[in-house]
């Protein structure tokens, strides 16, 4: 759950996408188009400067049946791990069938592969649903808000609310602590200060979980992870 085997930056992300386009062209010819929609960390790396890398590429892959072969070919060429690009996130709570229509254009490679990404407020909506305090969910939300504030294109609570309702129908899917988090964050607007603090906390949480996993590999799962972190942090405060 916490393994990080290889990192993807904006530079090598574009390189791998370009190679994918070449392989799609070889497999299917120059007239059969393919489309990929980047989500999560890959969308953030592609569009924002506050985060330099991600450790996985979550994507909605709209292409022919040859897509697995093409992804494997590029992965083998660059010695990438199996499943380096995958749509596993489509089995998580943060996935919505509305993501395709909410995506925005990024780039076209080799005149055959169109790449789209998920925009700011929709990424925030997804991260609010995930709410993982040991990964980059909270810092990504903060970083997106910070970036849009700098560009004089602030993402308001209304925009986020629209995105949540568009993707999921209502706020019911978002936990109470994440609702409280986003409300306080937007009201305070101290995004730079908050970003640094949250990144440090996420890093500490990750270390705590890795230590627990080393002692008992089966102790941590997605259902109990927040409770385990809460208990562990309380113990640290007392000690």
Protein backbone atom coordinates (compact mmCIF):
# COMPACT_ATOMS: atom_id res chain seq x y z
CA UNK A 1 0.00 0.00 0.00
CA UNK A 2 2.88 2.36 0.72
CA UNK A 3 5.44 1.14 -1.81
CA UNK A 4 7.02 3.79 -4.02
CA UNK A 5 9.08 2.07 -6.69
CA UNK A 6 9.46 4.79 -9.30
CA UNK A 7 8.58 8.45 -9.61
CA UNK A 8 6.97 10.27 -12.52
CA UNK A 9 7.80 13.93 -13.14
CA UNK A 10 6.26 16.25 -15.72
CA UNK A 11 9.28 15.68 -17.96
CA UNK A 12 9.24 11.88 -18.00
CA UNK A 13 5.44 11.76 -17.93
CA UNK A 14 5.35 13.53 -21.29
CA UNK A 15 8.11 11.23 -22.55
CA UNK A 16 6.12 8.09 -21.69
CA UNK A 17 2.93 9.54 -23.17
CA UNK A 18 4.81 10.31 -26.39
CA UNK A 19 6.09 6.74 -26.51
CA UNK A 20 2.58 5.43 -25.90
CA UNK A 21 1.38 7.43 -28.88
CA UNK A 22 4.07 5.92 -31.08
CA UNK A 23 3.14 2.41 -30.00
CA UNK A 24 -0.59 3.02 -30.52
CA UNK A 25 0.26 4.18 -34.03
CA UNK A 26 2.31 1.05 -34.71
CA UNK A 27 -0.42 -1.26 -33.42
CA UNK A 28 -3.51 0.42 -34.82
CA UNK A 29 -2.38 2.61 -37.68
CA UNK A 30 -2.54 6.37 -37.98
CA UNK A 31 -6.32 6.67 -38.24
CA UNK A 32 -7.47 4.93 -35.04
CA UNK A 33 -7.34 7.54 -32.29
CA UNK A 34 -6.74 6.90 -28.60
CA UNK A 35 -7.51 9.00 -25.55
CA UNK A 36 -6.22 8.98 -21.99
CA UNK A 37 -7.59 11.01 -19.09
CA UNK A 38 -5.06 11.56 -16.31
CA UNK A 39 -6.37 11.82 -12.77
CA UNK A 40 -4.89 12.07 -9.29
CA UNK A 41 -1.19 12.78 -8.88
CA UNK A 42 -0.50 12.53 -12.62
CA UNK A 43 -3.02 15.30 -13.37
CA UNK A 44 -1.47 17.45 -10.65
CA UNK A 45 2.09 16.92 -11.91
CA UNK A 46 0.95 17.74 -15.46
CA UNK A 47 -0.83 20.98 -14.52
CA UNK A 48 0.72 22.38 -11.33
CA UNK A 49 4.18 23.30 -10.13
CA UNK A 50 3.85 22.70 -6.39
CA UNK A 51 4.30 18.94 -6.70
CA UNK A 52 7.28 17.63 -8.63
CA UNK A 53 6.39 13.96 -8.90
CA UNK A 54 3.91 11.16 -8.38
CA UNK A 55 4.48 7.47 -7.82
CA UNK A 56 1.64 6.12 -9.93
CA UNK A 57 -0.33 7.14 -13.00
CA UNK A 58 -4.06 6.73 -12.56
CA UNK A 59 -5.84 7.10 -15.86
CA UNK A 60 -9.06 6.45 -17.71
CA UNK A 61 -7.86 4.76 -20.88
CA UNK A 62 -10.13 5.15 -23.88
CA UNK A 63 -8.47 3.13 -26.63
CA UNK A 64 -8.63 -0.10 -28.58
CA UNK A 65 -8.19 -3.57 -27.12
CA UNK A 66 -4.46 -3.24 -27.82
CA UNK A 67 -4.02 -0.75 -24.96
CA UNK A 68 -2.63 -3.29 -22.46
CA UNK A 69 -0.03 -4.47 -24.97
CA UNK A 70 0.97 -0.90 -25.75
CA UNK A 71 1.31 0.05 -22.08
CA UNK A 72 3.35 -3.08 -21.39
CA UNK A 73 5.63 -2.40 -24.38
CA UNK A 74 6.44 1.12 -23.17
CA UNK A 75 6.85 -0.14 -19.61
CA UNK A 76 9.33 -2.79 -20.71
CA UNK A 77 11.25 -0.29 -22.84
CA UNK A 78 11.84 2.02 -19.87
CA UNK A 79 11.98 -0.67 -17.18
CA UNK A 80 8.81 0.58 -15.49
CA UNK A 81 6.93 -1.60 -13.00
CA UNK A 82 3.95 -3.65 -14.16
CA UNK A 83 0.80 -1.56 -14.07
CA UNK A 84 2.76 1.70 -14.27
CA UNK A 85 -0.31 3.18 -15.90
CA UNK A 86 -3.58 1.73 -14.68
CA UNK A 87 -7.25 2.35 -14.09
CA UNK A 88 -7.40 0.62 -10.69
CA UNK A 89 -8.66 3.86 -9.15
CA UNK A 90 -11.94 3.21 -10.98
CA UNK A 91 -12.71 0.69 -8.22
CA UNK A 92 -12.31 3.29 -5.45
CA UNK A 93 -14.88 5.61 -3.85
CA UNK A 94 -13.38 8.66 -5.55
CA UNK A 95 -14.16 7.41 -9.06
CA UNK A 96 -17.16 8.81 -10.88
CA UNK A 97 -18.44 8.07 -14.36
CA UNK A 98 -18.82 11.85 -14.76
CA UNK A 99 -15.03 12.35 -14.80
CA UNK A 100 -14.81 11.92 -18.57
CA UNK A 101 -17.13 14.83 -19.27
CA UNK A 102 -15.41 16.96 -16.63
CA UNK A 103 -11.94 16.50 -18.12
CA UNK A 104 -9.99 19.24 -19.91
CA UNK A 105 -7.56 19.09 -22.83
CA UNK A 106 -3.84 18.68 -22.03
CA UNK A 107 -1.85 17.65 -25.13
CA UNK A 108 -1.95 15.56 -28.31
CA UNK A 109 0.96 13.25 -29.09
CA UNK A 110 1.86 12.01 -32.60
CA UNK A 111 -1.50 13.24 -33.85
CA UNK A 112 -3.08 10.06 -32.48
CA UNK A 113 -3.12 10.13 -28.67
CA UNK A 114 -5.18 12.85 -27.02
CA UNK A 115 -4.43 13.34 -23.35
CA UNK A 116 -6.89 15.09 -21.06
CA UNK A 117 -6.68 15.79 -17.35
CA UNK A 118 -9.06 16.49 -14.48
CA UNK A 119 -9.35 20.17 -13.57
CA UNK A 120 -8.73 21.83 -10.21
CA UNK A 121 -12.08 21.77 -8.40
CA UNK A 122 -12.80 18.24 -9.63
CA UNK A 123 -9.42 17.02 -8.38
CA UNK A 124 -10.23 18.64 -5.03
CA UNK A 125 -13.59 16.86 -4.98
CA UNK A 126 -11.87 13.51 -5.62
CA UNK A 127 -9.26 14.18 -2.94
CA UNK A 128 -11.97 15.12 -0.44
CA UNK A 129 -13.63 11.77 -1.03
CA UNK A 130 -10.33 9.86 -0.72
CA UNK A 131 -9.22 11.81 2.34
CA UNK A 132 -6.01 9.81 2.85
CA UNK A 133 -3.91 11.45 5.53
CA UNK A 134 -0.84 9.33 4.80
CA UNK A 135 -0.58 10.23 1.10
CA UNK A 136 -0.86 13.59 -0.65
CA UNK A 137 -4.60 14.13 -0.59
CA UNK A 138 -4.74 17.01 1.88
CA UNK A 139 -1.57 18.71 0.64
CA UNK A 140 -2.73 18.34 -2.96
CA UNK A 141 -6.00 20.09 -2.10
CA UNK A 142 -4.02 22.87 -0.42
CA UNK A 143 -1.54 23.12 -3.30
CA UNK A 144 -4.29 23.38 -5.92
CA UNK A 145 -6.02 26.15 -3.94
CA UNK A 146 -2.67 27.92 -3.49
CA UNK A 147 -1.85 27.70 -7.22
CA UNK A 148 -5.21 29.08 -8.33
CA UNK A 149 -4.99 31.88 -5.78
CA UNK A 150 -1.61 32.89 -7.27
CA UNK A 151 -3.11 32.86 -10.78
CA UNK A 152 -5.94 35.16 -9.66
CA UNK A 153 -8.38 32.33 -10.40
CA UNK A 154 -9.43 31.35 -6.87
CA UNK A 155 -11.35 28.13 -6.41
CA UNK A 156 -14.25 29.02 -4.17
CA UNK A 157 -16.36 26.80 -1.96
CA UNK A 158 -19.16 27.21 -4.51
CA UNK A 159 -16.96 25.81 -7.28
CA UNK A 160 -15.94 22.88 -5.11
CA UNK A 161 -19.55 22.25 -4.12
CA UNK A 162 -20.57 22.21 -7.78
CA UNK A 163 -17.79 19.71 -8.54
CA UNK A 164 -18.75 17.41 -5.64
CA UNK A 165 -22.41 17.42 -6.68
CA UNK A 166 -21.54 16.95 -10.37
CA UNK A 167 -19.34 13.92 -9.66
CA UNK A 168 -21.12 12.32 -6.69
CA UNK A 169 -24.61 13.80 -6.47
CA UNK A 170 -24.21 15.30 -3.00
CA UNK A 171 -21.79 15.99 -0.13
CA UNK A 172 -22.90 12.83 1.69
CA UNK A 173 -19.94 10.88 0.27
CA UNK A 174 -17.45 13.27 1.92
CA UNK A 175 -16.53 12.53 5.55
CA UNK A 176 -17.25 15.09 8.24
CA UNK A 177 -13.58 15.68 9.03
CA UNK A 178 -12.83 16.40 5.35
CA UNK A 179 -15.77 18.82 5.18
CA UNK A 180 -14.36 20.58 8.24
CA UNK A 181 -10.88 20.56 6.71
CA UNK A 182 -11.87 22.22 3.41
CA UNK A 183 -14.12 24.78 5.14
CA UNK A 184 -11.36 25.92 7.52
CA UNK A 185 -8.74 25.90 4.78
CA UNK A 186 -10.74 28.16 2.46
CA UNK A 187 -11.83 30.48 5.26
CA UNK A 188 -8.26 30.97 6.51
CA UNK A 189 -6.63 31.20 3.04
CA UNK A 190 -3.11 30.75 4.52
CA UNK A 191 -2.36 28.19 1.84
CA UNK A 192 1.44 28.41 1.76
CA UNK A 193 1.78 28.02 5.52
CA UNK A 194 -0.85 25.27 5.59
CA UNK A 195 0.80 23.39 2.72
CA UNK A 196 4.15 23.11 4.53
CA UNK A 197 2.49 21.96 7.77
CA UNK A 198 0.26 19.39 6.05
CA UNK A 199 3.12 17.93 3.98
CA UNK A 200 5.13 17.37 7.15
CA UNK A 201 2.15 15.74 8.84
CA UNK A 202 1.54 13.45 5.85
CA UNK A 203 5.20 12.45 5.88
CA UNK A 204 5.02 11.67 9.61
CA UNK A 205 1.83 9.65 9.10
CA UNK A 206 3.48 7.64 6.35
CA UNK A 207 6.47 6.86 8.60
CA UNK A 208 4.13 5.76 11.39
CA UNK A 209 2.24 3.40 9.07
CA UNK A 210 5.40 1.94 7.55
CA UNK A 211 6.73 1.18 11.04
CA UNK A 212 3.45 -0.52 11.99
CA UNK A 213 3.44 -2.51 8.75
CA UNK A 214 6.98 -3.71 9.38
CA UNK A 215 5.97 -5.01 12.79
CA UNK A 216 2.66 -6.48 11.61
CA UNK A 217 2.12 -6.51 7.81
CA UNK A 218 -1.59 -7.34 8.17
CA UNK A 219 -2.40 -4.71 10.79
CA UNK A 220 -3.24 -1.85 8.44
CA UNK A 221 -6.01 -1.67 5.85
CA UNK A 222 -8.03 1.11 4.21
CA UNK A 223 -10.88 0.73 6.71
CA UNK A 224 -8.85 1.13 9.91
CA UNK A 225 -6.03 3.35 8.72
CA UNK A 226 -7.38 6.67 10.03
CA UNK A 227 -8.18 5.16 13.42
CA UNK A 228 -4.68 3.65 13.65
CA UNK A 229 -3.10 7.01 12.79
CA UNK A 230 -5.23 8.78 15.37
CA UNK A 231 -4.26 6.33 18.12
CA UNK A 232 -0.58 6.38 17.13
CA UNK A 233 -0.43 10.18 17.10
CA UNK A 234 -2.14 10.37 20.49
CA UNK A 235 0.49 8.01 21.91
CA UNK A 236 3.26 10.17 20.44
CA UNK A 237 1.81 13.28 22.09
CA UNK A 238 1.68 11.59 25.48
CA UNK A 239 5.24 10.30 25.16
